[in-house]
Amino acid sequence: MDDPFSFRETKAGELLVSRGGRVVVTLGGAAASRVLRALDAASTDDEQQLVLAKSTGNYKRGNERGRER
C-alpha cells in the first residue's frame, strides 16, 4: 500500500488513526476497544489496514464498483 494507515493508543484510552501523517479520526470508549480487538485479531498487515480504513467511516461509498457490462 502506498499510503498506509497508522494508529496509536493514548494514555486516556483513545485511538488515533492517521494517514499521511495526519490524524483522520479519534476513537474513544467502546469504539476504540472494538477496533483494537479487531487489530489484534488481524493476522496480516492488509487485514489491519482494512480494519483501520473501516474505522474511519469513509469506506465503500458505492462508487468503487466497476463497469457492469
N, C-alpha and C. Protein backbone atom coordinates (compact mmCIF):
# COMPACT_ATOMS: atom_id res chain seq x y z
N MET A 1 0.85 -1.18 0.00
CA MET A 1 0.00 0.00 0.00
C MET A 1 0.89 1.23 0.00
N ASP A 2 0.54 2.20 -0.83
CA ASP A 2 1.36 3.39 -0.99
C ASP A 2 1.29 4.33 0.21
N ASP A 3 0.12 4.51 0.78
CA ASP A 3 -0.07 5.44 1.88
C ASP A 3 -0.86 4.75 2.99
N PRO A 4 -0.19 3.92 3.79
CA PRO A 4 -0.92 3.12 4.77
C PRO A 4 -1.41 3.95 5.96
N PHE A 5 -2.43 3.40 6.61
CA PHE A 5 -2.92 3.96 7.86
C PHE A 5 -1.97 3.57 8.98
N SER A 6 -1.94 4.39 10.01
CA SER A 6 -1.21 4.05 11.23
C SER A 6 -2.11 4.40 12.40
N PHE A 7 -1.77 3.91 13.57
CA PHE A 7 -2.60 4.19 14.74
C PHE A 7 -1.73 4.24 15.98
N ARG A 8 -2.26 4.91 17.00
CA ARG A 8 -1.62 4.86 18.30
C ARG A 8 -2.67 5.04 19.36
N GLU A 9 -2.44 4.41 20.48
CA GLU A 9 -3.36 4.47 21.61
C GLU A 9 -2.81 5.45 22.63
N THR A 10 -3.67 6.32 23.12
CA THR A 10 -3.24 7.31 24.12
C THR A 10 -3.42 6.75 25.52
N LYS A 11 -2.84 7.43 26.49
CA LYS A 11 -3.00 7.01 27.89
C LYS A 11 -4.44 7.11 28.34
N ALA A 12 -5.19 8.01 27.73
CA ALA A 12 -6.60 8.20 28.08
C ALA A 12 -7.50 7.13 27.46
N GLY A 13 -6.93 6.24 26.67
CA GLY A 13 -7.70 5.16 26.06
C GLY A 13 -8.27 5.49 24.70
N GLU A 14 -7.89 6.63 24.15
CA GLU A 14 -8.35 6.98 22.81
C GLU A 14 -7.46 6.31 21.78
N LEU A 15 -8.02 6.11 20.60
CA LEU A 15 -7.28 5.53 19.48
C LEU A 15 -7.23 6.57 18.37
N LEU A 16 -6.02 6.97 18.00
CA LEU A 16 -5.82 7.96 16.95
C LEU A 16 -5.43 7.23 15.67
N VAL A 17 -6.24 7.36 14.64
CA VAL A 17 -5.97 6.72 13.36
C VAL A 17 -5.47 7.80 12.41
N SER A 18 -4.29 7.57 11.82
CA SER A 18 -3.66 8.56 10.95
C SER A 18 -3.41 8.00 9.58
N ARG A 19 -3.31 8.92 8.63
CA ARG A 19 -2.90 8.55 7.28
C ARG A 19 -2.14 9.74 6.70
N GLY A 20 -0.98 9.48 6.17
CA GLY A 20 -0.17 10.55 5.62
C GLY A 20 0.32 11.52 6.66
N GLY A 21 0.47 11.05 7.90
CA GLY A 21 0.96 11.90 8.97
C GLY A 21 -0.10 12.79 9.62
N ARG A 22 -1.35 12.67 9.19
CA ARG A 22 -2.43 13.48 9.74
C ARG A 22 -3.46 12.58 10.40
N VAL A 23 -3.94 12.99 11.56
CA VAL A 23 -4.98 12.22 12.25
C VAL A 23 -6.28 12.39 11.47
N VAL A 24 -6.87 11.26 11.09
CA VAL A 24 -8.12 11.30 10.33
C VAL A 24 -9.32 11.01 11.20
N VAL A 25 -9.13 10.29 12.31
CA VAL A 25 -10.24 10.02 13.22
C VAL A 25 -9.68 9.71 14.61
N THR A 26 -10.42 10.12 15.62
CA THR A 26 -10.10 9.80 17.01
C THR A 26 -11.27 9.00 17.56
N LEU A 27 -10.97 7.80 18.02
CA LEU A 27 -12.00 6.93 18.58
C LEU A 27 -11.79 6.81 20.08
N GLY A 28 -12.88 6.73 20.81
CA GLY A 28 -12.79 6.56 22.25
C GLY A 28 -13.80 5.53 22.72
N GLY A 29 -13.67 5.12 23.95
CA GLY A 29 -14.63 4.21 24.59
C GLY A 29 -14.75 2.87 23.91
N ALA A 30 -16.00 2.45 23.71
CA ALA A 30 -16.28 1.13 23.15
C ALA A 30 -15.79 1.00 21.72
N ALA A 31 -15.86 2.08 20.95
CA ALA A 31 -15.41 2.02 19.55
C ALA A 31 -13.91 1.76 19.49
N ALA A 32 -13.15 2.42 20.36
CA ALA A 32 -11.70 2.21 20.38
C ALA A 32 -11.37 0.78 20.80
N SER A 33 -12.07 0.27 21.79
CA SER A 33 -11.85 -1.11 22.25
C SER A 33 -12.15 -2.11 21.15
N ARG A 34 -13.25 -1.88 20.44
CA ARG A 34 -13.65 -2.78 19.36
C ARG A 34 -12.61 -2.82 18.24
N VAL A 35 -12.10 -1.65 17.87
CA VAL A 35 -11.10 -1.58 16.79
C VAL A 35 -9.79 -2.21 17.25
N LEU A 36 -9.39 -1.96 18.49
CA LEU A 36 -8.15 -2.56 19.00
C LEU A 36 -8.24 -4.08 19.02
N ARG A 37 -9.39 -4.63 19.41
CA ARG A 37 -9.57 -6.09 19.39
C ARG A 37 -9.48 -6.62 17.97
N ALA A 38 -10.08 -5.90 17.02
CA ALA A 38 -10.03 -6.33 15.62
C ALA A 38 -8.60 -6.26 15.08
N LEU A 39 -7.85 -5.25 15.50
CA LEU A 39 -6.46 -5.13 15.07
C LEU A 39 -5.61 -6.27 15.63
N ASP A 40 -5.87 -6.65 16.88
CA ASP A 40 -5.14 -7.77 17.48
C ASP A 40 -5.47 -9.08 16.77
N ALA A 41 -6.71 -9.22 16.32
CA ALA A 41 -7.14 -10.45 15.65
C ALA A 41 -6.66 -10.53 14.21
N ALA A 42 -6.33 -9.40 13.62
CA ALA A 42 -5.89 -9.38 12.21
C ALA A 42 -4.54 -10.07 12.09
N SER A 43 -4.44 -10.98 11.13
CA SER A 43 -3.21 -11.77 11.01
C SER A 43 -2.21 -11.17 10.02
N THR A 44 -2.67 -10.29 9.14
CA THR A 44 -1.76 -9.69 8.16
C THR A 44 -1.88 -8.17 8.21
N ASP A 45 -0.89 -7.51 7.62
CA ASP A 45 -0.91 -6.06 7.56
C ASP A 45 -2.08 -5.57 6.71
N ASP A 46 -2.41 -6.31 5.65
CA ASP A 46 -3.55 -5.93 4.81
C ASP A 46 -4.85 -5.96 5.60
N GLU A 47 -5.01 -6.96 6.46
CA GLU A 47 -6.21 -7.03 7.29
C GLU A 47 -6.26 -5.87 8.27
N GLN A 48 -5.11 -5.51 8.85
CA GLN A 48 -5.07 -4.35 9.75
C GLN A 48 -5.43 -3.07 9.01
N GLN A 49 -4.94 -2.93 7.79
CA GLN A 49 -5.25 -1.73 7.01
C GLN A 49 -6.75 -1.66 6.71
N LEU A 50 -7.38 -2.80 6.45
CA LEU A 50 -8.81 -2.83 6.19
C LEU A 50 -9.59 -2.42 7.44
N VAL A 51 -9.18 -2.92 8.60
CA VAL A 51 -9.84 -2.54 9.86
C VAL A 51 -9.73 -1.04 10.09
N LEU A 52 -8.54 -0.50 9.87
CA LEU A 52 -8.34 0.94 10.07
C LEU A 52 -9.13 1.76 9.06
N ALA A 53 -9.20 1.31 7.81
CA ALA A 53 -9.99 2.02 6.80
C ALA A 53 -11.46 2.04 7.18
N LYS A 54 -11.98 0.92 7.63
CA LYS A 54 -13.37 0.85 8.03
C LYS A 54 -13.65 1.71 9.25
N SER A 55 -12.68 1.83 10.14
CA SER A 55 -12.88 2.62 11.36
C SER A 55 -12.98 4.11 11.07
N THR A 56 -12.49 4.55 9.92
CA THR A 56 -12.57 5.97 9.59
C THR A 56 -13.97 6.37 9.17
N GLY A 57 -14.80 5.40 8.82
CA GLY A 57 -16.16 5.70 8.41
C GLY A 57 -16.24 6.19 6.98
N ASN A 58 -15.15 6.16 6.26
CA ASN A 58 -15.11 6.65 4.89
C ASN A 58 -14.69 5.51 3.97
N TYR A 59 -15.39 4.41 4.11
CA TYR A 59 -15.04 3.19 3.39
C TYR A 59 -16.26 2.72 2.61
N LYS A 60 -16.07 2.38 1.36
CA LYS A 60 -17.13 1.86 0.49
C LYS A 60 -18.30 2.84 0.39
N ARG A 61 -18.11 3.88 -0.36
CA ARG A 61 -19.16 4.88 -0.58
C ARG A 61 -20.08 4.50 -1.73
N GLY A 62 -19.78 3.42 -2.45
CA GLY A 62 -20.63 2.99 -3.53
C GLY A 62 -20.09 3.28 -4.91
N ASN A 63 -19.07 4.09 -4.99
CA ASN A 63 -18.53 4.41 -6.30
C ASN A 63 -17.32 3.56 -6.66
N GLU A 64 -17.08 2.50 -5.91
CA GLU A 64 -15.94 1.64 -6.16
C GLU A 64 -16.24 0.54 -7.16
N ARG A 65 -17.51 0.38 -7.53
CA ARG A 65 -17.89 -0.70 -8.44
C ARG A 65 -17.31 -0.46 -9.83
N GLY A 66 -16.98 -1.54 -10.48
CA GLY A 66 -16.52 -1.46 -11.85
C GLY A 66 -17.70 -1.38 -12.81
N ARG A 67 -17.39 -1.41 -14.04
CA ARG A 67 -18.46 -1.39 -15.05
C ARG A 67 -19.23 -2.70 -14.99
N GLU A 68 -20.51 -2.62 -15.23
CA GLU A 68 -21.37 -3.81 -15.14
C GLU A 68 -21.63 -4.43 -16.49
N ARG A 69 -20.86 -4.12 -17.47
CA ARG A 69 -21.07 -4.68 -18.81
C ARG A 69 -20.40 -6.00 -18.97
